[in-house]
C-alpha atoms as a PDB file:
ATOM      1  CA  MET A   1     -32.119 -44.817  69.254  1.00  0.00           C
ATOM      2  CA  VAL A   2     -30.242 -41.954  70.850  1.00  0.00           C
ATOM      3  CA  ILE A   3     -26.879 -43.289  69.668  1.00  0.00           C
ATOM      4  CA  SER A   4     -28.276 -43.865  66.183  1.00  0.00           C
ATOM      5  CA  ALA A   5     -29.539 -40.285  66.022  1.00  0.00           C
ATOM      6  CA  LEU A   6     -26.217 -38.936  67.243  1.00  0.00           C
ATOM      7  CA  SER A   7     -24.291 -40.984  64.695  1.00  0.00           C
ATOM      8  CA  LYS A   8     -26.524 -39.723  61.881  1.00  0.00           C
ATOM      9  CA  GLY A   9     -26.080 -36.150  63.050  1.00  0.00           C
ATOM     10  CA  PHE A  10     -22.331 -36.603  63.254  1.00  0.00           C
ATOM     11  CA  SER A  11     -22.270 -38.068  59.748  1.00  0.00           C
ATOM     12  CA  SER A  12     -24.190 -35.097  58.382  1.00  0.00           C
ATOM     13  CA  ILE A  13     -21.618 -32.716  59.836  1.00  0.00           C
ATOM     14  CA  TRP A  14     -18.605 -34.862  58.948  1.00  0.00           C
ATOM     15  CA  CYS A  15     -19.580 -35.486  55.361  1.00  0.00           C
ATOM     16  CA  LEU A  16     -21.559 -32.755  53.642  1.00  0.00           C
ATOM     17  CA  PRO A  17     -24.558 -33.908  51.625  1.00  0.00           C
ATOM     18  CA  GLY A  18     -24.547 -34.014  47.873  1.00  0.00           C
ATOM     19  CA  SER A  19     -20.840 -34.637  47.590  1.00  0.00           C
ATOM     20  CA  HIS A  20     -18.533 -37.626  47.304  1.00  0.00           C
ATOM     21  CA  TYR A  21     -15.814 -35.695  49.133  1.00  0.00           C
ATOM     22  CA  CYS A  22     -15.519 -35.909  52.893  1.00  0.00           C
ATOM     23  CA  SER A  23     -14.467 -32.890  54.880  1.00  0.00           C
ATOM     24  CA  PHE A  24     -10.686 -32.863  54.632  1.00  0.00           C
ATOM     25  CA  LEU A  25      -9.743 -30.824  57.698  1.00  0.00           C
ATOM     26  CA  PRO A  26     -11.527 -32.789  60.485  1.00  0.00           C
ATOM     27  CA  ASN A  27     -10.380 -36.066  58.944  1.00  0.00           C
ATOM     28  CA  LEU A  28      -6.831 -34.738  58.750  1.00  0.00           C
ATOM     29  CA  VAL A  29      -6.806 -33.603  62.383  1.00  0.00           C
ATOM     30  CA  LEU A  30      -8.261 -36.882  63.641  1.00  0.00           C
ATOM     31  CA  TYR A  31      -5.901 -38.892  61.436  1.00  0.00           C
ATOM     32  CA  ILE A  32      -2.815 -37.056  62.709  1.00  0.00           C
ATOM     33  CA  LEU A  33      -3.897 -37.389  66.349  1.00  0.00           C
ATOM     34  CA  CYS A  34      -4.776 -41.090  66.110  1.00  0.00           C
ATOM     35  CA  SER A  35      -1.710 -41.920  64.043  1.00  0.00           C
ATOM     36  CA  GLU A  36       0.783 -40.110  66.267  1.00  0.00           C
ATOM     37  CA  TYR A  37      -0.730 -41.419  69.507  1.00  0.00           C
ATOM     38  CA  SER A  38      -0.845 -44.922  68.031  1.00  0.00           C
ATOM     39  CA  ASP A  39       2.804 -44.734  66.922  1.00  0.00           C
ATOM     40  CA  PHE A  40       3.833 -43.379  70.328  1.00  0.00           C
ATOM     41  CA  LEU A  41       1.979 -46.090  72.245  1.00  0.00           C
ATOM     42  CA  ASN A  42       3.347 -48.793  69.971  1.00  0.00           C
ATOM     43  CA  ARG A  43       6.919 -47.577  70.502  1.00  0.00           C
ATOM     44  CA  VAL A  44       6.482 -47.316  74.280  1.00  0.00           C
ATOM     45  CA  PHE A  45       4.629 -50.608  74.592  1.00  0.00           C
ATOM     46  CA  ILE A  46       6.907 -52.648  72.339  1.00  0.00           C
ATOM     47  CA  THR A  47      10.086 -51.089  73.766  1.00  0.00           C
ATOM     48  CA  GLN A  48       9.036 -51.298  77.419  1.00  0.00           C
ATOM     49  CA  TYR A  49       7.722 -54.856  77.285  1.00  0.00           C
ATOM     50  CA  ARG A  50       9.880 -56.005  74.346  1.00  0.00           C
ATOM     51  CA  TYR A  51       6.693 -57.082  72.618  1.00  0.00           C
ATOM     52  CA  GLY A  52       7.715 -56.868  68.968  1.00  0.00           C
ATOM     53  CA  TYR A  53       5.163 -59.209  67.399  1.00  0.00           C
ATOM     54  CA  PRO A  54       3.398 -57.220  64.652  1.00  0.00           C
ATOM     55  CA  ALA A  55       1.532 -60.190  63.131  1.00  0.00           C
ATOM     56  CA  PHE A  56      -0.047 -61.129  66.464  1.00  0.00           C
ATOM     57  CA  LEU A  57      -0.908 -57.491  67.243  1.00  0.00           C
ATOM     58  CA  THR A  58      -2.510 -57.069  63.818  1.00  0.00           C
ATOM     59  CA  LEU A  59      -4.617 -60.197  64.352  1.00  0.00           C
ATOM     60  CA  CYS A  60      -5.791 -58.844  67.722  1.00  0.00           C
ATOM     61  CA  GLN A  61      -6.705 -55.494  66.132  1.00  0.00           C
ATOM     62  CA  VAL A  62      -8.688 -57.195  63.380  1.00  0.00           C
ATOM     63  CA  LEU A  63     -10.536 -59.449  65.839  1.00  0.00           C
ATOM     64  CA  LEU A  64     -11.405 -56.453  68.018  1.00  0.00           C
ATOM     65  CA  THR A  65     -12.653 -54.519  64.978  1.00  0.00           C
ATOM     66  CA  TRP A  66     -14.779 -57.492  63.918  1.00  0.00           C
ATOM     67  CA  PHE A  67     -16.275 -57.755  67.403  1.00  0.00           C
ATOM     68  CA  ILE A  68     -17.100 -54.024  67.535  1.00  0.00           C
ATOM     69  CA  LEU A  69     -18.707 -54.011  64.075  1.00  0.00           C
ATOM     70  CA  GLU A  70     -20.754 -57.124  64.866  1.00  0.00           C
ATOM     71  CA  TRP A  71     -21.856 -55.488  68.104  1.00  0.00           C
ATOM     72  CA  LEU A  72     -22.937 -52.331  66.270  1.00  0.00           C
ATOM     73  CA  ARG A  73     -24.784 -54.396  63.661  1.00  0.00           C
ATOM     74  CA  PHE A  74     -26.530 -56.511  66.313  1.00  0.00           C
ATOM     75  CA  PHE A  75     -27.910 -53.458  68.102  1.00  0.00           C
ATOM     76  CA  GLN A  76     -28.671 -51.785  64.731  1.00  0.00           C
ATOM     77  CA  TRP A  77     -26.648 -48.696  65.606  1.00  0.00           C
ATOM     78  CA  THR A  78     -25.261 -48.645  62.089  1.00  0.00           C
ATOM     79  CA  SER A  79     -26.330 -50.161  58.780  1.00  0.00           C
ATOM     80  CA  ILE A  80     -24.027 -53.098  58.021  1.00  0.00           C
ATOM     81  CA  GLN A  81     -25.048 -55.760  55.532  1.00  0.00           C
ATOM     82  CA  PRO A  82     -24.356 -59.395  56.445  1.00  0.00           C
ATOM     83  CA  TYR A  83     -21.166 -60.853  55.039  1.00  0.00           C
ATOM     84  CA  SER A  84     -21.611 -62.302  51.559  1.00  0.00           C
ATOM     85  CA  LEU A  85     -19.226 -64.521  49.616  1.00  0.00           C
ATOM     86  CA  GLU A  86     -19.753 -62.446  46.468  1.00  0.00           C
ATOM     87  CA  VAL A  87     -18.605 -59.205  48.087  1.00  0.00           C
ATOM     88  CA  GLY A  88     -15.916 -61.090  49.995  1.00  0.00           C
ATOM     89  CA  GLU A  89     -14.502 -62.400  46.723  1.00  0.00           C
ATOM     90  CA  ILE A  90     -14.515 -58.905  45.218  1.00  0.00           C
ATOM     91  CA  LEU A  91     -12.628 -57.537  48.233  1.00  0.00           C
ATOM     92  CA  LEU A  92     -10.237 -60.479  48.613  1.00  0.00           C
ATOM     93  CA  LEU A  93      -7.250 -58.749  47.012  1.00  0.00           C
ATOM     94  CA  PRO A  94      -7.748 -55.510  49.007  1.00  0.00           C
ATOM     95  CA  SER A  95      -8.049 -57.636  52.166  1.00  0.00           C
ATOM     96  CA  ILE A  96      -4.727 -59.351  51.463  1.00  0.00           C
ATOM     97  CA  CYS A  97      -3.073 -55.973  50.897  1.00  0.00           C
ATOM     98  CA  PHE A  98      -4.728 -54.644  54.070  1.00  0.00           C
ATOM     99  CA  SER A  99      -3.401 -57.547  56.158  1.00  0.00           C
ATOM    100  CA  PHE A 100       0.211 -57.340  55.048  1.00  0.00           C
ATOM    101  CA  HIS A 101       0.311 -53.544  55.092  1.00  0.00           C
ATOM    102  CA  SER A 102      -0.974 -53.548  58.692  1.00  0.00           C
ATOM    103  CA  ILE A 103       1.804 -55.932  59.719  1.00  0.00           C
ATOM    104  CA  LEU A 104       4.520 -53.931  57.953  1.00  0.00           C
ATOM    105  CA  SER A 105       3.311 -50.626  59.402  1.00  0.00           C
ATOM    106  CA  LEU A 106       3.516 -52.033  62.942  1.00  0.00           C
ATOM    107  CA  TRP A 107       6.957 -53.435  62.189  1.00  0.00           C
ATOM    108  CA  ALA A 108       8.133 -50.040  60.942  1.00  0.00           C
ATOM    109  CA  VAL A 109       6.982 -48.168  64.058  1.00  0.00           C
ATOM    110  CA  THR A 110       9.629 -49.812  66.228  1.00  0.00           C
ATOM    111  CA  ASN A 111      12.180 -51.171  63.754  1.00  0.00           C
ATOM    112  CA  ALA A 112      12.360 -48.365  61.201  1.00  0.00           C
ATOM    113  CA  PRO A 113      10.823 -45.146  62.606  1.00  0.00           C
ATOM    114  CA  PHE A 114      13.359 -42.755  61.045  1.00  0.00           C
ATOM    115  CA  THR A 115      14.819 -44.765  58.187  1.00  0.00           C
ATOM    116  CA  SER A 116      14.396 -45.237  54.472  1.00  0.00           C
ATOM    117  CA  TYR A 117      11.088 -47.050  55.113  1.00  0.00           C
ATOM    118  CA  MET A 118       9.402 -43.773  56.062  1.00  0.00           C
ATOM    119  CA  LEU A 119      10.996 -42.001  53.101  1.00  0.00           C
ATOM    120  CA  ILE A 120       9.612 -44.585  50.680  1.00  0.00           C
ATOM    121  CA  ILE A 121       6.114 -44.241  52.171  1.00  0.00           C
ATOM    122  CA  ARG A 122       6.175 -40.532  51.239  1.00  0.00           C
ATOM    123  CA  PHE A 123       5.727 -41.618  47.605  1.00  0.00           C
ATOM    124  CA  MET A 124       2.193 -42.822  48.409  1.00  0.00           C
ATOM    125  CA  PRO A 125       0.209 -39.853  46.959  1.00  0.00           C
ATOM    126  CA  LEU A 126       2.112 -40.119  43.683  1.00  0.00           C
ATOM    127  CA  VAL A 127       1.662 -43.904  43.494  1.00  0.00           C
ATOM    128  CA  ASN A 128      -2.051 -43.557  44.304  1.00  0.00           C
ATOM    129  CA  LEU A 129      -2.317 -40.953  41.559  1.00  0.00           C
ATOM    130  CA  ILE A 130      -0.800 -43.370  39.029  1.00  0.00           C
ATOM    131  CA  LEU A 131      -3.016 -46.252  40.182  1.00  0.00           C
ATOM    132  CA  ALA A 132      -6.120 -44.060  39.882  1.00  0.00           C
ATOM    133  CA  HIS A 133      -5.427 -43.794  36.154  1.00  0.00           C
ATOM    134  CA  LEU A 134      -4.417 -47.448  35.749  1.00  0.00           C
ATOM    135  CA  PHE A 135      -7.601 -48.710  37.413  1.00  0.00           C
ATOM    136  CA  THR A 136      -9.760 -46.110  35.609  1.00  0.00           C
ATOM    137  CA  ILE A 137     -11.151 -44.584  38.774  1.00  0.00           C
ATOM    138  CA  LYS A 138     -14.174 -42.459  37.880  1.00  0.00           C
ATOM    139  CA  SER A 139     -13.412 -39.632  40.304  1.00  0.00           C
ATOM    140  CA  LYS A 140      -9.831 -39.087  39.183  1.00  0.00           C
ATOM    141  CA  PRO A 141      -8.046 -35.972  40.471  1.00  0.00           C
ATOM    142  CA  SER A 142      -8.317 -32.876  38.311  1.00  0.00           C
ATOM    143  CA  LEU A 143      -5.304 -31.346  36.581  1.00  0.00           C
ATOM    144  CA  ARG A 144      -5.013 -28.810  39.387  1.00  0.00           C
ATOM    145  CA  GLU A 145      -5.043 -31.527  42.050  1.00  0.00           C
ATOM    146  CA  THR A 146      -2.604 -33.649  40.045  1.00  0.00           C
ATOM    147  CA  PHE A 147      -0.135 -30.774  39.862  1.00  0.00           C
ATOM    148  CA  ILE A 148      -0.474 -30.093  43.606  1.00  0.00           C
ATOM    149  CA  VAL A 149      -0.013 -33.783  44.475  1.00  0.00           C
ATOM    150  CA  ILE A 150       3.164 -34.040  42.385  1.00  0.00           C
ATOM    151  CA  ILE A 151       4.689 -30.870  43.877  1.00  0.00           C
ATOM    152  CA  VAL A 152       3.762 -31.805  47.464  1.00  0.00           C
ATOM    153  CA  THR A 153       5.116 -35.350  47.087  1.00  0.00           C
ATOM    154  CA  LEU A 154       8.441 -34.235  45.611  1.00  0.00           C
ATOM    155  CA  CYS A 155       8.941 -31.516  48.241  1.00  0.00           C
ATOM    156  CA  SER A 156       8.022 -33.911  51.051  1.00  0.00           C
ATOM    157  CA  ILE A 157      10.555 -36.433  49.735  1.00  0.00           C
ATOM    158  CA  ILE A 158      13.247 -33.736  49.798  1.00  0.00           C
ATOM    159  CA  THR A 159      12.479 -32.980  53.456  1.00  0.00           C
ATOM    160  CA  GLY A 160      12.716 -36.695  54.309  1.00  0.00           C
ATOM    161  CA  VAL A 161      16.034 -37.380  52.587  1.00  0.00           C
ATOM    162  CA  GLN A 162      18.851 -38.258  54.982  1.00  0.00           C
ATOM    163  CA  ASN A 163      22.078 -40.237  54.931  1.00  0.00           C
ATOM    164  CA  PHE A 164      20.509 -43.649  55.464  1.00  0.00           C
ATOM    165  CA  HIS A 165      22.607 -46.686  56.316  1.00  0.00           C
ATOM    166  CA  ASP A 166      19.847 -49.286  56.377  1.00  0.00           C
ATOM    167  CA  ASP A 167      19.824 -52.971  55.639  1.00  0.00           C
ATOM    168  CA  ALA A 168      18.421 -54.155  52.340  1.00  0.00           C
ATOM    169  CA  ILE A 169      15.422 -55.631  54.170  1.00  0.00           C
ATOM    170  CA  THR A 170      14.324 -52.134  55.207  1.00  0.00           C
ATOM    171  CA  TYR A 171      14.154 -51.015  51.577  1.00  0.00           C
ATOM    172  CA  VAL A 172      12.313 -54.199  50.597  1.00  0.00           C
ATOM    173  CA  TYR A 173       9.763 -53.788  53.402  1.00  0.00           C
ATOM    174  CA  GLY A 174       9.363 -50.119  52.500  1.00  0.00           C
ATOM    175  CA  LEU A 175       8.562 -50.913  48.865  1.00  0.00           C
ATOM    176  CA  LEU A 176       6.205 -53.709  49.903  1.00  0.00           C
ATOM    177  CA  GLY A 177       4.464 -51.479  52.443  1.00  0.00           C
ATOM    178  CA  LEU A 178       4.019 -48.749  49.828  1.00  0.00           C
ATOM    179  CA  ALA A 179       2.657 -51.221  47.272  1.00  0.00           C
ATOM    180  CA  PHE A 180       0.270 -52.950  49.690  1.00  0.00           C
ATOM    181  CA  GLU A 181      -1.188 -49.717  51.069  1.00  0.00           C
ATOM    182  CA  SER A 182      -1.536 -48.022  47.674  1.00  0.00           C
ATOM    183  CA  PHE A 183      -3.254 -51.017  46.090  1.00  0.00           C
ATOM    184  CA  TYR A 184      -5.535 -51.422  49.120  1.00  0.00           C
ATOM    185  CA  LEU A 185      -6.664 -47.788  49.069  1.00  0.00           C
ATOM    186  CA  THR A 186      -7.162 -47.662  45.302  1.00  0.00           C
ATOM    187  CA  LEU A 187      -9.029 -50.973  45.140  1.00  0.00           C
ATOM    188  CA  ILE A 188     -11.487 -50.105  47.911  1.00  0.00           C
ATOM    189  CA  GLN A 189     -12.135 -46.745  46.251  1.00  0.00           C
ATOM    190  CA  LYS A 190     -12.884 -48.524  42.965  1.00  0.00           C
ATOM    191  CA  THR A 191     -15.091 -51.062  44.763  1.00  0.00           C
ATOM    192  CA  LYS A 192     -17.009 -48.222  46.383  1.00  0.00           C
ATOM    193  CA  GLU A 193     -17.661 -46.682  42.966  1.00  0.00           C
ATOM    194  CA  ASP A 194     -18.510 -49.918  41.123  1.00  0.00           C
ATOM    195  CA  GLN A 195     -20.482 -51.812  43.789  1.00  0.00           C
ATOM    196  CA  ARG A 196     -22.156 -48.849  45.535  1.00  0.00           C
ATOM    197  CA  LEU A 197     -21.152 -50.180  48.950  1.00  0.00           C
ATOM    198  CA  SER A 198     -20.764 -48.032  52.034  1.00  0.00           C
ATOM    199  CA  ALA A 199     -17.377 -47.507  53.657  1.00  0.00           C
ATOM    200  CA  VAL A 200     -18.543 -49.424  56.741  1.00  0.00           C
ATOM    201  CA  ASN A 201     -19.566 -52.461  54.680  1.00  0.00           C
ATOM    202  CA  ILE A 202     -16.289 -52.418  52.766  1.00  0.00           C
ATOM    203  CA  HIS A 203     -14.265 -52.234  55.979  1.00  0.00           C
ATOM    204  CA  TYR A 204     -16.430 -54.932  57.579  1.00  0.00           C
ATOM    205  CA  THR A 205     -15.849 -57.306  54.657  1.00  0.00           C
ATOM    206  CA  CYS A 206     -12.107 -56.605  54.522  1.00  0.00           C
ATOM    207  CA  VAL A 207     -11.812 -57.268  58.257  1.00  0.00           C
ATOM    208  CA  ILE A 208     -13.596 -60.632  58.001  1.00  0.00           C
ATOM    209  CA  ASN A 209     -11.504 -61.605  54.975  1.00  0.00           C
ATOM    210  CA  SER A 210      -8.339 -60.691  56.874  1.00  0.00           C
ATOM    211  CA  VAL A 211      -9.060 -62.923  59.870  1.00  0.00           C
ATOM    212  CA  PRO A 212      -8.246 -66.306  58.224  1.00  0.00           C
ATOM    213  CA  ILE A 213      -5.258 -64.774  56.433  1.00  0.00           C
ATOM    214  CA  LEU A 214      -3.778 -63.493  59.688  1.00  0.00           C
ATOM    215  CA  VAL A 215      -4.686 -66.656  61.616  1.00  0.00           C
ATOM    216  CA  VAL A 216      -2.811 -68.820  59.103  1.00  0.00           C
ATOM    217  CA  LEU A 217       0.122 -66.409  59.144  1.00  0.00           C
ATOM    218  CA  CYS A 218       0.272 -66.487  62.951  1.00  0.00           C
ATOM    219  CA  LEU A 219       0.035 -70.288  63.005  1.00  0.00           C
ATOM    220  CA  ILE A 220       3.029 -70.698  60.723  1.00  0.00           C
ATOM    221  CA  HIS A 221       5.010 -67.846  62.293  1.00  0.00           C
ATOM    222  CA  PRO A 222       7.461 -69.038  64.965  1.00  0.00           C
ATOM    223  CA  ASP A 223       7.021 -65.902  67.108  1.00  0.00           C
ATOM    224  CA  THR A 224       3.323 -66.482  67.856  1.00  0.00           C
ATOM    225  CA  LEU A 225       4.015 -68.762  70.826  1.00  0.00           C
ATOM    226  CA  LYS A 226       6.517 -66.207  72.110  1.00  0.00           C
ATOM    227  CA  ALA A 227       3.845 -63.501  71.838  1.00  0.00           C
ATOM    228  CA  LEU A 228       1.482 -65.535  74.002  1.00  0.00           C
ATOM    229  CA  ALA A 229       4.169 -66.513  76.507  1.00  0.00           C
ATOM    230  CA  SER A 230       5.934 -63.162  76.901  1.00  0.00           C
ATOM    231  CA  GLY A 231       2.821 -61.081  77.556  1.00  0.00           C
ATOM    232  CA  SER A 232       2.255 -59.859  81.125  1.00  0.00           C
ATOM    233  CA  TRP A 233      -1.424 -60.795  80.982  1.00  0.00           C
ATOM    234  CA  LEU A 234      -1.935 -60.374  84.730  1.00  0.00           C
ATOM    235  CA  SER A 235      -0.583 -56.817  84.758  1.00  0.00           C
ATOM    236  CA  LEU A 236      -3.207 -54.070  84.537  1.00  0.00           C
ATOM    237  CA  ILE A 237      -0.663 -51.646  83.058  1.00  0.00           C
ATOM    238  CA  PHE A 238       0.224 -54.121  80.321  1.00  0.00           C
ATOM    239  CA  LEU A 239      -3.438 -54.789  79.565  1.00  0.00           C
ATOM    240  CA  GLY A 240      -4.174 -51.060  79.571  1.00  0.00           C
ATOM    241  CA  PHE A 241      -1.438 -50.282  77.042  1.00  0.00           C
ATOM    242  CA  PHE A 242      -2.371 -53.333  74.985  1.00  0.00           C
ATOM    243  CA  SER A 243      -6.063 -52.414  74.864  1.00  0.00           C
ATOM    244  CA  LEU A 244      -5.414 -48.753  74.101  1.00  0.00           C
ATOM    245  CA  LEU A 245      -3.098 -49.404  71.165  1.00  0.00           C
ATOM    246  CA  LEU A 246      -5.579 -51.937  69.776  1.00  0.00           C
ATOM    247  CA  ILE A 247      -8.436 -49.421  70.006  1.00  0.00           C
ATOM    248  CA  LEU A 248      -6.400 -46.638  68.402  1.00  0.00           C
ATOM    249  CA  GLY A 249      -5.337 -49.010  65.640  1.00  0.00           C
ATOM    250  CA  CYS A 250      -8.969 -49.949  64.982  1.00  0.00           C
ATOM    251  CA  ILE A 251     -10.029 -46.298  64.780  1.00  0.00           C
ATOM    252  CA  LEU A 252      -7.113 -45.374  62.536  1.00  0.00           C
ATOM    253  CA  LYS A 253      -7.728 -48.201  60.070  1.00  0.00           C
ATOM    254  CA  PHE A 254     -11.435 -47.417  59.836  1.00  0.00           C
ATOM    255  CA  LEU A 255     -10.690 -43.724  59.322  1.00  0.00           C
ATOM    256  CA  ILE A 256      -8.306 -44.558  56.472  1.00  0.00           C
ATOM    257  CA  CYS A 257     -10.917 -46.783  54.817  1.00  0.00           C
ATOM    258  CA  PHE A 258     -13.631 -44.158  55.327  1.00  0.00           C
ATOM    259  CA  CYS A 259     -11.565 -41.382  53.744  1.00  0.00           C
ATOM    260  CA  ALA A 260     -10.492 -43.554  50.803  1.00  0.00           C
ATOM    261  CA  CYS A 261     -14.115 -44.491  50.084  1.00  0.00           C
ATOM    262  CA  GLN A 262     -15.717 -41.104  50.688  1.00  0.00           C
ATOM    263  CA  SER A 263     -12.938 -39.052  49.127  1.00  0.00           C
ATOM    264  CA  SER A 264     -10.071 -40.812  47.348  1.00  0.00           C
ATOM    265  CA  ALA A 265      -6.912 -42.817  47.862  1.00  0.00           C
ATOM    266  CA  VAL A 266      -4.929 -39.742  46.827  1.00  0.00           C
ATOM    267  CA  THR A 267      -6.499 -37.774  49.678  1.00  0.00           C
ATOM    268  CA  VAL A 268      -5.383 -40.423  52.180  1.00  0.00           C
ATOM    269  CA  GLY A 269      -1.868 -40.136  50.767  1.00  0.00           C
ATOM    270  CA  MET A 270      -1.967 -36.362  51.213  1.00  0.00           C
ATOM    271  CA  MET A 271      -3.125 -36.824  54.798  1.00  0.00           C
ATOM    272  CA  ASP A 272      -0.167 -39.110  55.439  1.00  0.00           C
ATOM    273  CA  ILE A 273       2.193 -36.516  53.942  1.00  0.00           C
ATOM    274  CA  ALA A 274       0.627 -33.865  56.185  1.00  0.00           C
ATOM    275  CA  LYS A 275       1.267 -36.042  59.238  1.00  0.00           C
ATOM    276  CA  ARG A 276       4.900 -36.635  58.325  1.00  0.00           C
ATOM    277  CA  ASP A 277       5.503 -32.962  57.494  1.00  0.00           C
ATOM    278  CA  THR A 278       3.944 -31.998  60.824  1.00  0.00           C
ATOM    279  CA  MET A 279       6.275 -34.396  62.634  1.00  0.00           C
ATOM    280  CA  THR A 280       9.227 -32.965  60.692  1.00  0.00           C
ATOM    281  CA  LEU A 281       8.209 -29.407  61.569  1.00  0.00           C
ATOM    282  CA  ARG A 282       7.862 -30.273  65.239  1.00  0.00           C
ATOM    283  CA  SER A 283      11.281 -31.932  65.262  1.00  0.00           C
ATOM    284  CA  LEU A 284      12.856 -28.689  63.973  1.00  0.00           C
ATOM    285  CA  LEU A 285      11.854 -26.625  67.000  1.00  0.00           C
ATOM    286  CA  PRO A 286      14.938 -27.484  69.122  1.00  0.00           C
ATOM    287  CA  TYR A 287      17.290 -26.562  66.263  1.00  0.00           C
ATOM    288  CA  LYS A 288      18.632 -23.144  65.483  1.00  0.00           C
ATOM    289  CA  GLN A 289      17.502 -21.590  62.235  1.00  0.00           C
ATOM    290  CA  SER A 290      21.112 -21.194  61.048  1.00  0.00           C
ATOM    291  CA  SER A 291      21.674 -24.960  61.210  1.00  0.00           C
ATOM    292  CA  LEU A 292      18.907 -25.668  58.701  1.00  0.00           C
ATOM    293  CA  SER A 293      19.465 -25.490  54.953  1.00  0.00           C
ATOM    294  CA  LEU A 294      17.392 -23.184  52.776  1.00  0.00           C
ATOM    295  CA  PRO A 295      16.341 -25.942  50.300  1.00  0.00           C
ATOM    296  CA  PHE A 296      15.083 -28.040  53.223  1.00  0.00           C
ATOM    297  CA  LEU A 297      12.996 -25.214  54.700  1.00  0.00           C
ATOM    298  CA  THR A 298      11.716 -24.177  51.271  1.00  0.00           C
ATOM    299  CA  SER A 299      10.632 -27.720  50.435  1.00  0.00           C
ATOM    300  CA  LEU A 300       8.889 -28.104  53.781  1.00  0.00           C
ATOM    301  CA  PHE A 301       7.086 -24.769  53.316  1.00  0.00           C
ATOM    302  CA  ILE A 302       5.964 -25.667  49.774  1.00  0.00           C
ATOM    303  CA  SER A 303       4.788 -29.103  50.903  1.00  0.00           C
ATOM    304  CA  LEU A 304       2.714 -27.738  53.793  1.00  0.00           C
ATOM    305  CA  SER A 305       1.344 -24.914  51.640  1.00  0.00           C
ATOM    306  CA  GLY A 306       0.385 -27.378  48.914  1.00  0.00           C
ATOM    307  CA  ILE A 307      -1.515 -29.499  51.424  1.00  0.00           C
ATOM    308  CA  GLY A 308      -3.361 -26.377  52.558  1.00  0.00           C
ATOM    309  CA  ILE A 309      -4.273 -25.513  48.957  1.00  0.00           C
ATOM    310  CA  TYR A 310      -5.408 -29.107  48.373  1.00  0.00           C
ATOM    311  CA  ALA A 311      -7.614 -28.959  51.480  1.00  0.00           C
ATOM    312  CA  TYR A 312      -9.068 -25.600  50.410  1.00  0.00           C
ATOM    313  CA  GLY A 313      -9.787 -27.029  46.962  1.00  0.00           C
ATOM    314  CA  HIS A 314     -11.780 -29.836  48.568  1.00  0.00           C
ATOM    315  CA  TYR A 315     -13.672 -27.289  50.646  1.00  0.00           C
ATOM    316  CA  ILE A 316     -14.595 -25.362  47.497  1.00  0.00           C
ATOM    317  CA  ASP A 317     -15.642 -28.590  45.759  1.00  0.00           C
ATOM    318  CA  ILE A 318     -18.073 -29.557  48.536  1.00  0.00           C
ATOM    319  CA  LEU A 319     -19.789 -26.172  48.752  1.00  0.00           C
ATOM    320  CA  PRO A 320     -23.351 -26.364  47.423  1.00  0.00           C
ATOM    321  CA  VAL A 321     -23.722 -24.621  44.080  1.00  0.00           C
ATOM    322  CA  PRO A 322     -26.761 -22.291  44.052  1.00  0.00           C
ATOM    323  CA  SER A 323     -29.126 -22.664  41.130  1.00  0.00           C
ATOM    324  CA  VAL A 324     -31.071 -19.841  39.549  1.00  0.00           C
ATOM    325  CA  LEU A 325     -34.786 -19.997  38.727  1.00  0.00           C
ATOM    326  CA  ASN A 326     -36.609 -16.961  37.346  1.00  0.00           C
ATOM    327  CA  GLY A 327     -33.811 -14.689  38.404  1.00  0.00           C
ATOM    328  CA  HIS A 328     -33.827 -15.910  42.024  1.00  0.00           C
ATOM    329  CA  PHE A 329     -31.300 -18.095  43.797  1.00  0.00           C
ATOM    330  CA  ILE A 330     -32.784 -21.267  45.217  1.00  0.00           C
END
C-alpha cells in the first residue's frame, strides 16, 4: 500500500493532470543519465570481458523486464492488464521493431560509438515527424514544433558530421536502427491513442511479444553458445556489471516507451538529440576555442537552444488554463 501510494504520488508530479504531455525536463534528465551510464557500462563490460553478444544481452534484458512487471502486477503495485492475444496482435509489429532496434543499439555502443551509425540516428526526430503524418497521429506537432524539430535536427546533423571511413555494414545497420526505432515509437504512440492503453500495458505486451522473437533469434545465432560459455558466471564483479547494465537497460527502455506514449515519438527523438548534443558539448571542453569552427559552434548552439525552446513550449502546453465564470477565475 505504501509503495502504491508513493508511485501514484510520483506519477502525479511526473505527469501533470489534464494533459497528454509528460514533463519534458525530468524525463530528459533521467533519459540522459540512464542512457549515458548504460552506454558507459556496456562499453566497459563488453570491452573488459570481450562479451560482445547483443542478441543474448537483449534477451536477458527483456526477460528481466518481464519478471519485474509480473512481480509488480502480482503484488498489485501497478495496474497491468493480463496479456491478451488481441492486444498482442496489435502490438506485434512494434514488438518486432523493438527487438531488432534493441539489438542494433547494443551493437552500436561497442562497434560504432563514434561513426556514421550515430550520425544517422540523429535523423530520428525528423523521421518521427514524417511518420506522425503518414500514420495520421491525432496529436501531431504544431507548426511551431515542426519548425523547431526541423531546425534542431539539421543543426545536430551538422555537429555530428565527420570524415567517416566506415564499412558499408555500419551504414546499413544505422539505417535499419533508425527505421526500427522510429516505427516502434510512432506505432506505440498510435496504439496508445487508438486503443486507450496505458504506457505500462503497452510496454508489458511488447516485452512478452519480444521474448519468442529473441529466443528464436538466439537459437539460430551461432554466438549464443559462446555467450553462455565465455561468461565469468562465478565472478561477483562480472555478475555485478552484468546485472547493472541489464537494470539500466530495462529502465531506459521503459522510459522511452513511457515518453512516446505520454508525449510523442517526436519528443523522444528530441531527447535523443539533446543527449548527443550534450555529449558533443562535453567532448569540446579539452579543446581550445580557436581549434573549433564557427559553423560547428553555431549549429551546436542553435540545436541546444531549439531543444530548450521545445521544452519550454511543452511546459506552456501543460499549464492549466484558468476559466472565467461571472468575472472570476476558477
